[in-house]
Amino acid sequence: MFYYLLRRAIIKGRVGGGWLSGTKDQVQGNQMVQDPVCRVFIPRGDAVREEIGGQTYFFCSRGCAKVFEKQLSN
C-alpha cells in the first residue's frame, strides 16, 4: 500500500506540474520575445521592458527602446 501511494505521488509530481516543473514566473522568464526595432529574439526575463502609449514592449537594450520611441513620435 505504501509503495502504491509513494509511486502515485512521484508520478503526479512529474506529470501534474508538481515540484519538478517550473513556476509561472520561470516559464515567462524563459519565453522568447522579439525586439520590434532590431528584430532579435531575447528571453523575456532579460529584456528591457517599456510601457509606451499604454502598451508594453520588450527590447534587447535601452538604445533600441529609445529608437522605437523616436520612431513613434515622428
C-alpha atoms as a PDB file:
ATOM      1  CA  MET A   1       0.000   0.000   0.000  1.00  0.00           C
ATOM      2  CA  PHE A   2       2.781   2.441   0.944  1.00  0.00           C
ATOM      3  CA  TYR A   3       4.629   1.645  -2.300  1.00  0.00           C
ATOM      4  CA  TYR A   4       1.485   2.386  -4.348  1.00  0.00           C
ATOM      5  CA  LEU A   5       0.908   5.762  -2.649  1.00  0.00           C
ATOM      6  CA  LEU A   6       4.561   6.782  -2.985  1.00  0.00           C
ATOM      7  CA  ARG A   7       4.676   5.759  -6.640  1.00  0.00           C
ATOM      8  CA  ARG A   8       1.489   7.659  -7.392  1.00  0.00           C
ATOM      9  CA  ALA A   9       2.822  10.817  -5.667  1.00  0.00           C
ATOM     10  CA  ILE A  10       6.043  10.680  -7.689  1.00  0.00           C
ATOM     11  CA  ILE A  11       4.197  10.244 -10.982  1.00  0.00           C
ATOM     12  CA  LYS A  12       1.786  13.053 -10.138  1.00  0.00           C
ATOM     13  CA  GLY A  13       4.744  15.315  -9.267  1.00  0.00           C
ATOM     14  CA  ARG A  14       6.343  14.692 -12.654  1.00  0.00           C
ATOM     15  CA  VAL A  15       3.256  14.884 -14.823  1.00  0.00           C
ATOM     16  CA  GLY A  16       0.962  17.202 -12.928  1.00  0.00           C
ATOM     17  CA  GLY A  17       3.235  20.191 -12.684  1.00  0.00           C
ATOM     18  CA  GLY A  18       4.387  19.451  -9.171  1.00  0.00           C
ATOM     19  CA  TRP A  19       7.794  20.057  -7.676  1.00  0.00           C
ATOM     20  CA  LEU A  20       9.636  19.148 -10.894  1.00  0.00           C
ATOM     21  CA  SER A  21       8.058  21.749 -13.133  1.00  0.00           C
ATOM     22  CA  GLY A  22       8.961  25.438 -13.258  1.00  0.00           C
ATOM     23  CA  THR A  23       6.835  28.119 -11.703  1.00  0.00           C
ATOM     24  CA  LYS A  24       4.821  30.520 -13.816  1.00  0.00           C
ATOM     25  CA  ASP A  25       7.486  33.228 -13.387  1.00  0.00           C
ATOM     26  CA  GLN A  26      10.251  30.902 -14.560  1.00  0.00           C
ATOM     27  CA  VAL A  27       8.262  29.898 -17.632  1.00  0.00           C
ATOM     28  CA  GLN A  28       7.535  33.522 -18.535  1.00  0.00           C
ATOM     29  CA  GLY A  29      11.157  34.472 -17.978  1.00  0.00           C
ATOM     30  CA  ASN A  30      12.226  31.830 -20.490  1.00  0.00           C
ATOM     31  CA  GLN A  31       9.649  32.819 -23.102  1.00  0.00           C
ATOM     32  CA  MET A  32      11.272  34.425 -26.139  1.00  0.00           C
ATOM     33  CA  VAL A  33      10.139  37.891 -27.257  1.00  0.00           C
ATOM     34  CA  GLN A  34      11.151  39.839 -30.352  1.00  0.00           C
ATOM     35  CA  ASP A  35      12.619  43.332 -30.233  1.00  0.00           C
ATOM     36  CA  PRO A  36      10.471  45.492 -32.564  1.00  0.00           C
ATOM     37  CA  VAL A  37      13.484  47.547 -33.699  1.00  0.00           C
ATOM     38  CA  CYS A  38      16.316  45.127 -34.483  1.00  0.00           C
ATOM     39  CA  ARG A  39      14.092  42.007 -34.649  1.00  0.00           C
ATOM     40  CA  VAL A  40      16.374  39.927 -32.411  1.00  0.00           C
ATOM     41  CA  PHE A  41      14.774  37.344 -30.095  1.00  0.00           C
ATOM     42  CA  ILE A  42      15.632  37.549 -26.397  1.00  0.00           C
ATOM     43  CA  PRO A  43      14.386  35.797 -23.235  1.00  0.00           C
ATOM     44  CA  ARG A  44      11.560  37.809 -21.722  1.00  0.00           C
ATOM     45  CA  GLY A  45      13.276  37.824 -18.331  1.00  0.00           C
ATOM     46  CA  ASP A  46      16.366  39.517 -19.802  1.00  0.00           C
ATOM     47  CA  ALA A  47      14.526  42.040 -21.978  1.00  0.00           C
ATOM     48  CA  VAL A  48      14.201  45.760 -21.317  1.00  0.00           C
ATOM     49  CA  ARG A  49      10.501  46.356 -20.654  1.00  0.00           C
ATOM     50  CA  GLU A  50       8.940  49.701 -21.585  1.00  0.00           C
ATOM     51  CA  GLU A  51       5.375  50.996 -21.351  1.00  0.00           C
ATOM     52  CA  ILE A  52       4.782  53.178 -24.413  1.00  0.00           C
ATOM     53  CA  GLY A  53       1.362  54.543 -25.281  1.00  0.00           C
ATOM     54  CA  GLY A  54      -0.346  52.207 -22.827  1.00  0.00           C
ATOM     55  CA  GLN A  55       1.221  49.112 -24.398  1.00  0.00           C
ATOM     56  CA  THR A  56       4.130  47.018 -23.115  1.00  0.00           C
ATOM     57  CA  TYR A  57       7.096  46.448 -25.432  1.00  0.00           C
ATOM     58  CA  PHE A  58      10.228  44.374 -24.901  1.00  0.00           C
ATOM     59  CA  PHE A  59      13.650  45.407 -26.218  1.00  0.00           C
ATOM     60  CA  CYS A  60      17.145  43.926 -26.282  1.00  0.00           C
ATOM     61  CA  SER A  61      18.623  47.216 -24.974  1.00  0.00           C
ATOM     62  CA  ARG A  62      17.752  50.736 -23.823  1.00  0.00           C
ATOM     63  CA  GLY A  63      19.151  52.022 -27.133  1.00  0.00           C
ATOM     64  CA  CYS A  64      16.533  50.088 -29.112  1.00  0.00           C
ATOM     65  CA  ALA A  65      13.824  51.363 -26.762  1.00  0.00           C
ATOM     66  CA  LYS A  66      14.901  54.979 -27.417  1.00  0.00           C
ATOM     67  CA  VAL A  67      14.978  54.400 -31.195  1.00  0.00           C
ATOM     68  CA  PHE A  68      11.474  52.938 -31.025  1.00  0.00           C
ATOM     69  CA  GLU A  69      10.144  55.915 -29.062  1.00  0.00           C
ATOM     70  CA  LYS A  70      11.681  58.295 -31.633  1.00  0.00           C
ATOM     71  CA  GLN A  71      10.053  56.346 -34.472  1.00  0.00           C
ATOM     72  CA  LEU A  72       6.648  56.591 -32.795  1.00  0.00           C
ATOM     73  CA  SER A  73       6.943  60.343 -32.254  1.00  0.00           C
ATOM     74  CA  ASN A  74       7.754  61.017 -35.960  1.00  0.00           C
END
